[in-house]
Amino acid sequence: MTTLLSLLAPLVIPLEVCPKAPPGAQKYADDILGYVLWGVGLMFFAGLVLAIGAMPIGRWLGMHGATKMAVAGILTVIVAAILYVVAPGIVNGILGNGCI
């Protein structure tokens, strides 16, 4: 029984497999990832500008709810930006080098 298991082990336990881009695809994947990262940075900036702009407009119009939402928006953008920086390190720590 032990010899049978030792013979079948390579079939049951796969060798280390790492993700690998097809030839020529890495350039396009890097371009798309760069565009996405640029867009996310732009959304962080736009969110901060809109939230900061909503504070004086909410006070000027006497809309206290808008002012509260502006403060919540600023805090949300700041927390999202922190998670944007920290989350990849957490995922990398959990997954390791990505090989199974």
Protein backbone atom coordinates (compact mmCIF):
# COMPACT_ATOMS: atom_id res chain seq x y z
CA MET A 1 0.00 0.00 0.00
CA THR A 2 2.84 2.39 0.83
CA THR A 3 4.53 1.77 -2.51
CA LEU A 4 1.26 2.35 -4.32
CA LEU A 5 0.81 5.71 -2.56
CA SER A 6 4.39 6.71 -3.31
CA LEU A 7 3.82 5.90 -7.00
CA LEU A 8 0.53 7.87 -7.13
CA ALA A 9 1.74 10.88 -5.12
CA PRO A 10 3.10 12.78 -8.15
CA LEU A 11 -0.29 12.38 -9.82
CA VAL A 12 -2.27 13.57 -6.80
CA ILE A 13 0.03 16.35 -5.58
CA PRO A 14 0.75 18.71 -8.51
CA LEU A 15 4.15 20.19 -8.94
CA GLU A 16 4.63 23.87 -8.17
CA VAL A 17 2.74 25.84 -10.81
CA CYS A 18 3.27 29.59 -11.13
CA PRO A 19 1.09 31.96 -13.17
CA LYS A 20 2.81 33.06 -16.35
CA ALA A 21 1.61 35.45 -19.02
CA PRO A 22 1.46 34.18 -22.59
CA PRO A 23 4.28 35.39 -24.84
CA GLY A 24 3.80 39.05 -25.76
CA ALA A 25 0.84 39.56 -23.40
CA GLN A 26 2.78 41.03 -20.48
CA LYS A 27 3.22 44.40 -22.22
CA TYR A 28 -0.53 44.77 -22.69
CA ALA A 29 -1.26 43.59 -19.15
CA ASP A 30 1.18 46.20 -17.80
CA ASP A 31 -0.46 48.90 -19.95
CA ILE A 32 -3.96 48.02 -18.72
CA LEU A 33 -2.81 47.84 -15.11
CA GLY A 34 -1.10 51.22 -15.49
CA TYR A 35 -4.31 52.77 -16.88
CA VAL A 36 -6.35 51.31 -14.02
CA LEU A 37 -3.89 52.59 -11.39
CA TRP A 38 -3.90 56.04 -13.01
CA GLY A 39 -7.72 56.04 -13.01
CA VAL A 40 -7.88 55.05 -9.35
CA GLY A 41 -5.49 57.86 -8.43
CA LEU A 42 -7.64 60.30 -10.40
CA MET A 43 -10.76 59.07 -8.57
CA PHE A 44 -9.05 59.61 -5.19
CA PHE A 45 -8.20 63.17 -6.20
CA ALA A 46 -11.69 63.87 -7.59
CA GLY A 47 -13.33 62.42 -4.47
CA LEU A 48 -11.28 64.66 -2.21
CA VAL A 49 -11.96 67.76 -4.33
CA LEU A 50 -15.70 67.07 -4.45
CA ALA A 51 -15.95 66.31 -0.74
CA ILE A 52 -13.92 69.38 0.25
CA GLY A 53 -16.01 71.50 -2.15
CA ALA A 54 -19.26 70.17 -0.69
CA MET A 55 -18.40 71.45 2.79
CA PRO A 56 -18.56 75.21 2.10
CA ILE A 57 -21.43 74.79 -0.35
CA GLY A 58 -23.41 72.84 2.25
CA ARG A 59 -22.78 75.55 4.84
CA TRP A 60 -23.59 78.34 2.41
CA LEU A 61 -26.89 76.75 1.42
CA GLY A 62 -27.71 75.76 5.01
CA MET A 63 -27.73 72.05 4.14
CA HIS A 64 -26.22 70.50 7.24
CA GLY A 65 -26.69 67.01 5.80
CA ALA A 66 -24.45 67.91 2.85
CA THR A 67 -21.75 69.11 5.22
CA LYS A 68 -21.93 65.87 7.22
CA MET A 69 -21.77 63.83 4.03
CA ALA A 70 -18.76 65.86 2.88
CA VAL A 71 -16.89 65.00 6.08
CA ALA A 72 -17.88 61.35 5.64
CA GLY A 73 -16.68 61.52 2.03
CA ILE A 74 -13.29 62.90 3.04
CA LEU A 75 -12.86 60.17 5.65
CA THR A 76 -13.96 57.52 3.15
CA VAL A 77 -11.43 58.67 0.55
CA ILE A 78 -8.64 58.74 3.14
CA VAL A 79 -9.48 55.23 4.40
CA ALA A 80 -9.75 53.95 0.81
CA ALA A 81 -6.35 55.46 -0.04
CA ILE A 82 -4.78 53.80 3.02
CA LEU A 83 -6.33 50.45 2.08
CA TYR A 84 -5.15 50.97 -1.51
CA VAL A 85 -1.57 51.08 -0.23
CA VAL A 86 -1.86 48.41 2.49
CA ALA A 87 -4.12 45.78 0.85
CA PRO A 88 -1.64 44.55 -1.81
CA GLY A 89 0.90 43.80 0.93
CA ILE A 90 -1.71 41.85 2.88
CA VAL A 91 -2.76 39.84 -0.19
CA ASN A 92 0.89 39.18 -1.08
CA GLY A 93 1.53 38.01 2.50
CA ILE A 94 -1.39 35.58 2.32
CA LEU A 95 -0.74 34.24 -1.19
CA GLY A 96 3.05 34.29 -1.06
CA ASN A 97 4.62 34.23 -4.50
CA GLY A 98 1.38 33.10 -6.21
CA CYS A 99 2.54 29.56 -6.96
CA ILE A 100 0.45 26.56 -5.97
